[in-house]
Amino acid sequence: MGLMRQLDAGARAVFPAAFTVFLLVMAAVPVGVPGLVVAVAVPSVFFWTVFRPGAMPPPIVFALGLLQDLMGFTPLGSGGLILLLVHGVALRGRTWLARASFLWGWLAFCAVAAGAVLLGWLFQALLGWQRPPFVPGLTLLGIMAGGYPALAFVLSRMHMAMQRAEDALR
């Protein structure tokens, strides 16, 4: 393999994590939408774990969770744990999810997102020793579920472009 092919393969291997970092940084811009950082981290990790699991190993997912915690001013480690659980569920159902129709994949993501929001709510309750309100969590779930089709469309186009490049090299 030549140097250019190695660089190309390395760039394709790093792209999912790097693009997720880019999305997290863009979502951290104060636009008045609550929880936007979490709303792009969970779908991105879910999508890339299903379609390119080699590019989303657990240490990278945990690092993305820590970055999410730092940008969202949440307790350090909670986002990492939630993203690792999302990663694990997506990895376990990967064979079915990769072949399923978009609608079934979206419904599966909505179930995973609901679990992630519930777990985040439980973490808040345990760390604050009081019951937090439900509305912010439901809003976050709505943003994640409603934004997943658009994000999945963009990410799938990127995935197909990387797939075409890999097929051309064979």
N, C-alpha and C. Protein backbone atom coordinates (compact mmCIF):
# COMPACT_ATOMS: atom_id res chain seq x y z
N MET A 1 0.84 -1.19 0.00
CA MET A 1 0.00 0.00 0.00
C MET A 1 0.88 1.24 0.00
N GLY A 2 0.56 2.18 -0.86
CA GLY A 2 1.31 3.40 -0.92
C GLY A 2 0.93 4.35 0.20
N LEU A 3 1.72 5.38 0.35
CA LEU A 3 1.49 6.36 1.42
C LEU A 3 0.13 7.04 1.28
N MET A 4 -0.25 7.38 0.05
CA MET A 4 -1.53 8.06 -0.15
C MET A 4 -2.70 7.15 0.21
N ARG A 5 -2.59 5.88 -0.11
CA ARG A 5 -3.66 4.94 0.24
C ARG A 5 -3.74 4.75 1.75
N GLN A 6 -2.61 4.74 2.41
CA GLN A 6 -2.60 4.61 3.88
C GLN A 6 -3.23 5.84 4.52
N LEU A 7 -2.89 7.03 3.99
CA LEU A 7 -3.49 8.26 4.52
C LEU A 7 -5.00 8.28 4.27
N ASP A 8 -5.41 7.82 3.09
CA ASP A 8 -6.83 7.77 2.77
C ASP A 8 -7.56 6.80 3.70
N ALA A 9 -7.00 5.63 3.91
CA ALA A 9 -7.61 4.65 4.81
C ALA A 9 -7.66 5.18 6.24
N GLY A 10 -6.60 5.85 6.67
CA GLY A 10 -6.58 6.44 8.01
C GLY A 10 -7.62 7.54 8.17
N ALA A 11 -7.78 8.36 7.14
CA ALA A 11 -8.77 9.44 7.19
C ALA A 11 -10.18 8.86 7.26
N ARG A 12 -10.45 7.80 6.50
CA ARG A 12 -11.77 7.18 6.55
C ARG A 12 -12.03 6.51 7.90
N ALA A 13 -10.97 5.99 8.52
CA ALA A 13 -11.14 5.35 9.83
C ALA A 13 -11.39 6.37 10.93
N VAL A 14 -10.83 7.55 10.80
CA VAL A 14 -10.95 8.59 11.83
C VAL A 14 -12.17 9.47 11.60
N PHE A 15 -12.68 9.49 10.39
CA PHE A 15 -13.75 10.42 10.04
C PHE A 15 -14.98 10.37 10.95
N PRO A 16 -15.56 9.19 11.25
CA PRO A 16 -16.77 9.18 12.09
C PRO A 16 -16.57 9.86 13.44
N ALA A 17 -15.47 9.57 14.12
CA ALA A 17 -15.22 10.20 15.42
C ALA A 17 -14.94 11.69 15.25
N ALA A 18 -14.16 12.05 14.24
CA ALA A 18 -13.83 13.46 14.03
C ALA A 18 -15.08 14.26 13.65
N PHE A 19 -15.94 13.69 12.83
CA PHE A 19 -17.16 14.40 12.47
C PHE A 19 -18.10 14.53 13.66
N THR A 20 -18.11 13.53 14.52
CA THR A 20 -18.93 13.62 15.74
C THR A 20 -18.41 14.72 16.65
N VAL A 21 -17.09 14.84 16.77
CA VAL A 21 -16.50 15.95 17.55
C VAL A 21 -16.92 17.28 16.92
N PHE A 22 -16.86 17.37 15.61
CA PHE A 22 -17.28 18.59 14.92
C PHE A 22 -18.74 18.92 15.24
N LEU A 23 -19.61 17.89 15.20
CA LEU A 23 -21.02 18.11 15.53
C LEU A 23 -21.20 18.58 16.97
N LEU A 24 -20.43 17.99 17.89
CA LEU A 24 -20.53 18.40 19.30
C LEU A 24 -20.11 19.86 19.47
N VAL A 25 -19.05 20.25 18.81
CA VAL A 25 -18.59 21.64 18.92
C VAL A 25 -19.62 22.59 18.31
N MET A 26 -20.18 22.22 17.17
CA MET A 26 -21.21 23.07 16.55
C MET A 26 -22.47 23.14 17.41
N ALA A 27 -22.82 22.04 18.06
CA ALA A 27 -24.01 22.03 18.90
C ALA A 27 -23.82 22.80 20.20
N ALA A 28 -22.58 23.00 20.60
CA ALA A 28 -22.31 23.72 21.84
C ALA A 28 -22.48 25.23 21.69
N VAL A 29 -22.62 25.70 20.46
CA VAL A 29 -22.84 27.13 20.23
C VAL A 29 -24.19 27.50 20.85
N PRO A 30 -24.20 28.55 21.65
CA PRO A 30 -25.46 28.90 22.33
C PRO A 30 -26.52 29.43 21.37
N VAL A 31 -27.48 28.57 21.04
CA VAL A 31 -28.57 28.97 20.14
C VAL A 31 -29.92 28.91 20.83
N GLY A 32 -29.92 28.55 22.10
CA GLY A 32 -31.17 28.52 22.84
C GLY A 32 -31.90 27.19 22.81
N VAL A 33 -31.34 26.18 22.15
CA VAL A 33 -31.96 24.86 22.12
C VAL A 33 -31.35 24.03 23.24
N PRO A 34 -32.15 23.61 24.21
CA PRO A 34 -31.60 22.87 25.35
C PRO A 34 -31.15 21.47 24.96
N GLY A 35 -29.99 21.09 25.44
CA GLY A 35 -29.52 19.72 25.25
C GLY A 35 -29.11 19.38 23.84
N LEU A 36 -28.76 20.37 23.04
CA LEU A 36 -28.41 20.10 21.65
C LEU A 36 -27.15 19.26 21.54
N VAL A 37 -26.23 19.41 22.49
CA VAL A 37 -25.00 18.61 22.46
C VAL A 37 -25.33 17.13 22.59
N VAL A 38 -26.20 16.79 23.54
CA VAL A 38 -26.61 15.40 23.72
C VAL A 38 -27.42 14.94 22.51
N ALA A 39 -28.22 15.83 21.95
CA ALA A 39 -29.10 15.48 20.84
C ALA A 39 -28.34 15.16 19.56
N VAL A 40 -27.07 15.54 19.45
CA VAL A 40 -26.28 15.13 18.29
C VAL A 40 -25.32 14.01 18.64
N ALA A 41 -24.92 13.90 19.90
CA ALA A 41 -23.97 12.85 20.29
C ALA A 41 -24.60 11.47 20.23
N VAL A 42 -25.76 11.31 20.81
CA VAL A 42 -26.41 9.99 20.87
C VAL A 42 -26.73 9.46 19.47
N PRO A 43 -27.38 10.24 18.58
CA PRO A 43 -27.66 9.71 17.25
C PRO A 43 -26.40 9.40 16.44
N SER A 44 -25.39 10.24 16.58
CA SER A 44 -24.16 10.02 15.83
C SER A 44 -23.46 8.74 16.27
N VAL A 45 -23.35 8.54 17.58
CA VAL A 45 -22.73 7.31 18.09
C VAL A 45 -23.56 6.10 17.67
N PHE A 46 -24.86 6.20 17.76
CA PHE A 46 -25.74 5.10 17.35
C PHE A 46 -25.53 4.76 15.88
N PHE A 47 -25.57 5.76 15.01
CA PHE A 47 -25.44 5.54 13.57
C PHE A 47 -24.09 4.92 13.22
N TRP A 48 -23.01 5.54 13.69
CA TRP A 48 -21.69 5.03 13.32
C TRP A 48 -21.40 3.67 13.93
N THR A 49 -21.97 3.38 15.08
CA THR A 49 -21.79 2.05 15.67
C THR A 49 -22.48 0.99 14.83
N VAL A 50 -23.62 1.32 14.27
CA VAL A 50 -24.33 0.35 13.43
C VAL A 50 -23.61 0.15 12.10
N PHE A 51 -23.18 1.24 11.46
CA PHE A 51 -22.66 1.12 10.10
C PHE A 51 -21.14 1.08 9.99
N ARG A 52 -20.42 1.57 10.97
CA ARG A 52 -18.95 1.50 10.98
C ARG A 52 -18.46 1.27 12.40
N PRO A 53 -18.70 0.08 12.94
CA PRO A 53 -18.34 -0.16 14.34
C PRO A 53 -16.84 -0.09 14.60
N GLY A 54 -16.03 -0.38 13.60
CA GLY A 54 -14.59 -0.29 13.78
C GLY A 54 -14.10 1.13 14.01
N ALA A 55 -14.88 2.10 13.53
CA ALA A 55 -14.51 3.50 13.69
C ALA A 55 -15.02 4.09 14.99
N MET A 56 -15.81 3.33 15.73
CA MET A 56 -16.36 3.79 17.02
C MET A 56 -16.05 2.78 18.12
N PRO A 57 -14.78 2.59 18.45
CA PRO A 57 -14.48 1.67 19.55
C PRO A 57 -14.86 2.30 20.90
N PRO A 58 -15.06 1.48 21.93
CA PRO A 58 -15.50 2.00 23.23
C PRO A 58 -14.64 3.14 23.80
N PRO A 59 -13.29 3.11 23.69
CA PRO A 59 -12.54 4.26 24.23
C PRO A 59 -12.87 5.58 23.54
N ILE A 60 -13.10 5.53 22.23
CA ILE A 60 -13.47 6.75 21.50
C ILE A 60 -14.86 7.21 21.93
N VAL A 61 -15.78 6.26 22.09
CA VAL A 61 -17.14 6.60 22.53
C VAL A 61 -17.10 7.25 23.91
N PHE A 62 -16.29 6.69 24.81
CA PHE A 62 -16.19 7.27 26.15
C PHE A 62 -15.58 8.67 26.09
N ALA A 63 -14.57 8.86 25.25
CA ALA A 63 -13.96 10.19 25.10
C ALA A 63 -14.98 11.18 24.54
N LEU A 64 -15.81 10.74 23.61
CA LEU A 64 -16.87 11.62 23.10
C LEU A 64 -17.86 11.97 24.20
N GLY A 65 -18.15 11.01 25.08
CA GLY A 65 -19.03 11.27 26.21
C GLY A 65 -18.43 12.28 27.18
N LEU A 66 -17.13 12.17 27.42
CA LEU A 66 -16.47 13.16 28.28
C LEU A 66 -16.50 14.55 27.65
N LEU A 67 -16.27 14.61 26.34
CA LEU A 67 -16.36 15.90 25.65
C LEU A 67 -17.78 16.45 25.74
N GLN A 68 -18.77 15.58 25.59
CA GLN A 68 -20.17 15.99 25.73
C GLN A 68 -20.43 16.54 27.12
N ASP A 69 -19.89 15.88 28.15
CA ASP A 69 -20.07 16.36 29.53
C ASP A 69 -19.42 17.72 29.74
N LEU A 70 -18.24 17.90 29.18
CA LEU A 70 -17.54 19.18 29.34
C LEU A 70 -18.28 20.31 28.64
N MET A 71 -18.81 20.03 27.47
CA MET A 71 -19.50 21.07 26.70
C MET A 71 -20.91 21.33 27.22
N GLY A 72 -21.52 20.33 27.82
CA GLY A 72 -22.88 20.48 28.31
C GLY A 72 -22.97 20.78 29.78
N PHE A 73 -21.81 20.93 30.44
CA PHE A 73 -21.75 21.23 31.88
C PHE A 73 -22.54 20.21 32.70
N THR A 74 -22.38 18.93 32.35
CA THR A 74 -23.03 17.85 33.09
C THR A 74 -21.98 17.12 33.91
N PRO A 75 -22.38 16.32 34.88
CA PRO A 75 -21.39 15.60 35.70
C PRO A 75 -20.47 14.74 34.84
N LEU A 76 -19.19 14.88 35.07
CA LEU A 76 -18.18 14.20 34.27
C LEU A 76 -18.32 12.69 34.39
N GLY A 77 -18.45 12.03 33.27
CA GLY A 77 -18.56 10.58 33.22
C GLY A 77 -19.97 10.09 32.94
N SER A 78 -20.96 10.90 33.25
CA SER A 78 -22.35 10.45 33.02
C SER A 78 -22.63 10.31 31.52
N GLY A 79 -22.20 11.27 30.74
CA GLY A 79 -22.40 11.19 29.30
C GLY A 79 -21.61 10.06 28.68
N GLY A 80 -20.40 9.83 29.21
CA GLY A 80 -19.59 8.73 28.72
C GLY A 80 -20.25 7.39 28.97
N LEU A 81 -20.81 7.23 30.15
CA LEU A 81 -21.49 5.98 30.47
C LEU A 81 -22.74 5.79 29.60
N ILE A 82 -23.50 6.85 29.43
CA ILE A 82 -24.71 6.75 28.61
C ILE A 82 -24.34 6.43 27.16
N LEU A 83 -23.32 7.10 26.62
CA LEU A 83 -22.92 6.81 25.25
C LEU A 83 -22.36 5.40 25.11
N LEU A 84 -21.66 4.92 26.12
CA LEU A 84 -21.18 3.53 26.07
C LEU A 84 -22.34 2.54 26.06
N LEU A 85 -23.39 2.83 26.80
CA LEU A 85 -24.56 1.96 26.78
C LEU A 85 -25.28 2.02 25.44
N VAL A 86 -25.39 3.21 24.86
CA VAL A 86 -25.97 3.36 23.52
C VAL A 86 -25.14 2.57 22.51
N HIS A 87 -23.83 2.69 22.64
CA HIS A 87 -22.90 1.97 21.77
C HIS A 87 -23.09 0.46 21.91
N GLY A 88 -23.21 -0.01 23.13
CA GLY A 88 -23.39 -1.44 23.37
C GLY A 88 -24.68 -1.98 22.79
N VAL A 89 -25.76 -1.24 22.97
CA VAL A 89 -27.06 -1.67 22.43
C VAL A 89 -27.02 -1.67 20.91
N ALA A 90 -26.45 -0.62 20.31
CA ALA A 90 -26.36 -0.55 18.85
C ALA A 90 -25.46 -1.66 18.31
N LEU A 91 -24.39 -1.95 19.01
CA LEU A 91 -23.48 -3.01 18.57
C LEU A 91 -24.15 -4.37 18.65
N ARG A 92 -24.93 -4.58 19.69
CA ARG A 92 -25.62 -5.86 19.86
C ARG A 92 -26.66 -6.06 18.77
N GLY A 93 -27.38 -5.01 18.39
CA GLY A 93 -28.41 -5.14 17.36
C GLY A 93 -27.94 -4.77 15.98
N ARG A 94 -26.64 -4.64 15.81
CA ARG A 94 -26.05 -4.16 14.57
C ARG A 94 -26.45 -4.99 13.35
N THR A 95 -26.41 -6.30 13.45
CA THR A 95 -26.69 -7.13 12.27
C THR A 95 -28.12 -6.92 11.79
N TRP A 96 -29.05 -6.78 12.71
CA TRP A 96 -30.44 -6.54 12.33
C TRP A 96 -30.63 -5.10 11.87
N LEU A 97 -30.05 -4.14 12.61
CA LEU A 97 -30.25 -2.73 12.30
C LEU A 97 -29.66 -2.33 10.95
N ALA A 98 -28.52 -2.92 10.59
CA ALA A 98 -27.88 -2.56 9.32
C ALA A 98 -28.71 -3.01 8.13
N ARG A 99 -29.52 -4.05 8.29
CA ARG A 99 -30.35 -4.56 7.19
C ARG A 99 -31.79 -4.07 7.26
N ALA A 100 -32.19 -3.50 8.37
CA ALA A 100 -33.59 -3.08 8.54
C ALA A 100 -33.90 -1.85 7.70
N SER A 101 -35.17 -1.63 7.47
CA SER A 101 -35.59 -0.43 6.76
C SER A 101 -35.32 0.79 7.65
N PHE A 102 -35.37 1.96 7.03
CA PHE A 102 -35.12 3.16 7.81
C PHE A 102 -36.13 3.32 8.94
N LEU A 103 -37.39 3.02 8.67
CA LEU A 103 -38.42 3.17 9.68
C LEU A 103 -38.12 2.32 10.91
N TRP A 104 -37.75 1.06 10.71
CA TRP A 104 -37.43 0.19 11.85
C TRP A 104 -36.18 0.66 12.57
N GLY A 105 -35.19 1.14 11.81
CA GLY A 105 -33.99 1.69 12.43
C GLY A 105 -34.29 2.92 13.25
N TRP A 106 -35.18 3.76 12.73
CA TRP A 106 -35.58 4.97 13.44
C TRP A 106 -36.33 4.63 14.72
N LEU A 107 -37.23 3.68 14.63
CA LEU A 107 -37.97 3.26 15.83
C LEU A 107 -37.03 2.65 16.86
N ALA A 108 -36.06 1.87 16.41
CA ALA A 108 -35.07 1.31 17.34
C ALA A 108 -34.26 2.42 17.98
N PHE A 109 -33.88 3.43 17.17
CA PHE A 109 -33.14 4.55 17.74
C PHE A 109 -33.99 5.29 18.77
N CYS A 110 -35.27 5.48 18.47
CA CYS A 110 -36.15 6.18 19.42
C CYS A 110 -36.22 5.44 20.75
N ALA A 111 -36.26 4.11 20.70
CA ALA A 111 -36.28 3.32 21.94
C ALA A 111 -34.96 3.47 22.69
N VAL A 112 -33.85 3.44 21.98
CA VAL A 112 -32.54 3.61 22.61
C VAL A 112 -32.41 5.02 23.18
N ALA A 113 -32.88 6.02 22.44
CA ALA A 113 -32.82 7.40 22.90
C ALA A 113 -33.67 7.59 24.15
N ALA A 114 -34.84 6.95 24.18
CA ALA A 114 -35.69 7.05 25.37
C ALA A 114 -34.98 6.45 26.58
N GLY A 115 -34.30 5.33 26.39
CA GLY A 115 -33.53 4.74 27.47
C GLY A 115 -32.39 5.64 27.92
N ALA A 116 -31.72 6.29 26.96
CA ALA A 116 -30.62 7.19 27.29
C ALA A 116 -31.12 8.40 28.07
N VAL A 117 -32.26 8.95 27.67
CA VAL A 117 -32.83 10.10 28.37
C VAL A 117 -33.26 9.70 29.77
N LEU A 118 -33.88 8.54 29.89
CA LEU A 118 -34.31 8.06 31.21
C LEU A 118 -33.10 7.85 32.13
N LEU A 119 -32.05 7.27 31.58
CA LEU A 119 -30.84 7.07 32.39
C LEU A 119 -30.22 8.39 32.81
N GLY A 120 -30.19 9.37 31.90
CA GLY A 120 -29.70 10.70 32.26
C GLY A 120 -30.54 11.35 33.34
N TRP A 121 -31.86 11.16 33.24
CA TRP A 121 -32.77 11.68 34.26
C TRP A 121 -32.49 11.02 35.61
N LEU A 122 -32.28 9.71 35.59
CA LEU A 122 -31.96 8.99 36.83
C LEU A 122 -30.64 9.47 37.44
N PHE A 123 -29.65 9.70 36.60
CA PHE A 123 -28.37 10.24 37.10
C PHE A 123 -28.58 11.59 37.76
N GLN A 124 -29.38 12.45 37.14
CA GLN A 124 -29.66 13.75 37.74
C GLN A 124 -30.36 13.60 39.07
N ALA A 125 -31.30 12.69 39.14
CA ALA A 125 -32.04 12.48 40.39
C ALA A 125 -31.11 11.97 41.49
N LEU A 126 -30.23 11.03 41.16
CA LEU A 126 -29.32 10.48 42.15
C LEU A 126 -28.27 11.50 42.60
N LEU A 127 -27.76 12.27 41.66
CA LEU A 127 -26.72 13.24 42.01
C LEU A 127 -27.29 14.45 42.73
N GLY A 128 -28.52 14.81 42.45
CA GLY A 128 -29.12 15.99 43.09
C GLY A 128 -29.99 15.66 44.28
N TRP A 129 -30.21 14.38 44.53
CA TRP A 129 -31.06 13.93 45.63
C TRP A 129 -32.45 14.53 45.60
N GLN A 130 -32.94 14.78 44.39
CA GLN A 130 -34.31 15.27 44.23
C GLN A 130 -34.79 14.87 42.83
N ARG A 131 -36.09 14.85 42.67
CA ARG A 131 -36.66 14.47 41.39
C ARG A 131 -36.61 15.66 40.43
N PRO A 132 -35.84 15.54 39.35
CA PRO A 132 -35.81 16.65 38.38
C PRO A 132 -37.11 16.66 37.56
N PRO A 133 -37.40 17.77 36.91
CA PRO A 133 -38.61 17.84 36.09
C PRO A 133 -38.51 16.93 34.86
N PHE A 134 -39.64 16.47 34.39
CA PHE A 134 -39.69 15.56 33.24
C PHE A 134 -39.63 16.30 31.90
N VAL A 135 -40.08 17.53 31.87
CA VAL A 135 -40.22 18.25 30.60
C VAL A 135 -38.90 18.40 29.85
N PRO A 136 -37.78 18.77 30.49
CA PRO A 136 -36.54 18.87 29.72
C PRO A 136 -36.12 17.53 29.08
N GLY A 137 -36.34 16.45 29.78
CA GLY A 137 -36.01 15.14 29.22
C GLY A 137 -36.89 14.79 28.04
N LEU A 138 -38.17 15.10 28.14
CA LEU A 138 -39.08 14.83 27.03
C LEU A 138 -38.75 15.72 25.83
N THR A 139 -38.35 16.96 26.11
CA THR A 139 -37.93 17.86 25.04
C THR A 139 -36.70 17.31 24.34
N LEU A 140 -35.73 16.86 25.13
CA LEU A 140 -34.52 16.28 24.56
C LEU A 140 -34.84 15.06 23.72
N LEU A 141 -35.71 14.21 24.21
CA LEU A 141 -36.12 13.03 23.44
C LEU A 141 -36.79 13.44 22.13
N GLY A 142 -37.63 14.45 22.18
CA GLY A 142 -38.27 14.94 20.96
C GLY A 142 -37.27 15.49 19.96
N ILE A 143 -36.27 16.21 20.46
CA ILE A 143 -35.23 16.76 19.57
C ILE A 143 -34.43 15.63 18.94
N MET A 144 -34.07 14.63 19.76
CA MET A 144 -33.29 13.50 19.22
C MET A 144 -34.10 12.71 18.21
N ALA A 145 -35.34 12.36 18.56
CA ALA A 145 -36.16 11.55 17.66
C ALA A 145 -36.51 12.32 16.39
N GLY A 146 -36.80 13.60 16.54
CA GLY A 146 -37.15 14.41 15.37
C GLY A 146 -35.96 14.76 14.50
N GLY A 147 -34.79 14.88 15.10
CA GLY A 147 -33.60 15.24 14.33
C GLY A 147 -32.87 14.07 13.73
N TYR A 148 -33.18 12.85 14.19
CA TYR A 148 -32.46 11.68 13.69
C TYR A 148 -32.60 11.48 12.18
N PRO A 149 -33.78 11.63 11.59
CA PRO A 149 -33.85 11.41 10.14
C PRO A 149 -32.92 12.33 9.34
N ALA A 150 -32.88 13.60 9.69
CA ALA A 150 -32.01 14.53 8.96
C ALA A 150 -30.54 14.19 9.18
N LEU A 151 -30.18 13.91 10.44
CA LEU A 151 -28.79 13.56 10.73
C LEU A 151 -28.41 12.24 10.07
N ALA A 152 -29.30 11.26 10.12
CA ALA A 152 -29.03 9.96 9.49
C ALA A 152 -28.89 10.10 7.98
N PHE A 153 -29.66 11.01 7.39
CA PHE A 153 -29.55 11.24 5.94
C PHE A 153 -28.15 11.74 5.60
N VAL A 154 -27.68 12.73 6.34
CA VAL A 154 -26.34 13.29 6.09
C VAL A 154 -25.27 12.23 6.35
N LEU A 155 -25.38 11.54 7.48
CA LEU A 155 -24.37 10.54 7.83
C LEU A 155 -24.38 9.37 6.86
N SER A 156 -25.55 8.99 6.37
CA SER A 156 -25.60 7.87 5.42
C SER A 156 -24.96 8.26 4.09
N ARG A 157 -25.12 9.51 3.69
CA ARG A 157 -24.45 9.97 2.46
C ARG A 157 -22.93 9.91 2.63
N MET A 158 -22.45 10.30 3.80
CA MET A 158 -21.01 10.23 4.07
C MET A 158 -20.54 8.79 4.11
N HIS A 159 -21.34 7.94 4.73
CA HIS A 159 -20.99 6.51 4.80
C HIS A 159 -20.94 5.89 3.41
N MET A 160 -21.91 6.22 2.56
CA MET A 160 -21.92 5.67 1.20
C MET A 160 -20.73 6.18 0.38
N ALA A 161 -20.34 7.42 0.59
CA ALA A 161 -19.17 7.95 -0.12
C ALA A 161 -17.91 7.22 0.32
N MET A 162 -17.79 6.95 1.62
CA MET A 162 -16.62 6.20 2.09
C MET A 162 -16.67 4.78 1.57
N GLN A 163 -17.86 4.19 1.50
CA GLN A 163 -18.01 2.83 0.99
C GLN A 163 -17.61 2.75 -0.48
N ARG A 164 -18.03 3.75 -1.28
CA ARG A 164 -17.65 3.79 -2.69
C ARG A 164 -16.13 3.90 -2.84
N ALA A 165 -15.51 4.72 -2.01
CA ALA A 165 -14.05 4.87 -2.07
C ALA A 165 -13.35 3.56 -1.72
N GLU A 166 -13.87 2.85 -0.73
CA GLU A 166 -13.27 1.57 -0.36
C GLU A 166 -13.47 0.53 -1.45
N ASP A 167 -14.65 0.54 -2.08
CA ASP A 167 -14.91 -0.42 -3.17
C ASP A 167 -14.03 -0.14 -4.37
N ALA A 168 -13.73 1.12 -4.63
CA ALA A 168 -12.88 1.49 -5.76
C ALA A 168 -11.44 1.01 -5.56
N LEU A 169 -11.03 0.89 -4.31
CA LEU A 169 -9.66 0.45 -4.04
C LEU A 169 -9.48 -1.06 -4.17
N ARG A 170 -10.58 -1.79 -4.19
CA ARG A 170 -10.49 -3.25 -4.27
C ARG A 170 -10.29 -3.74 -5.67
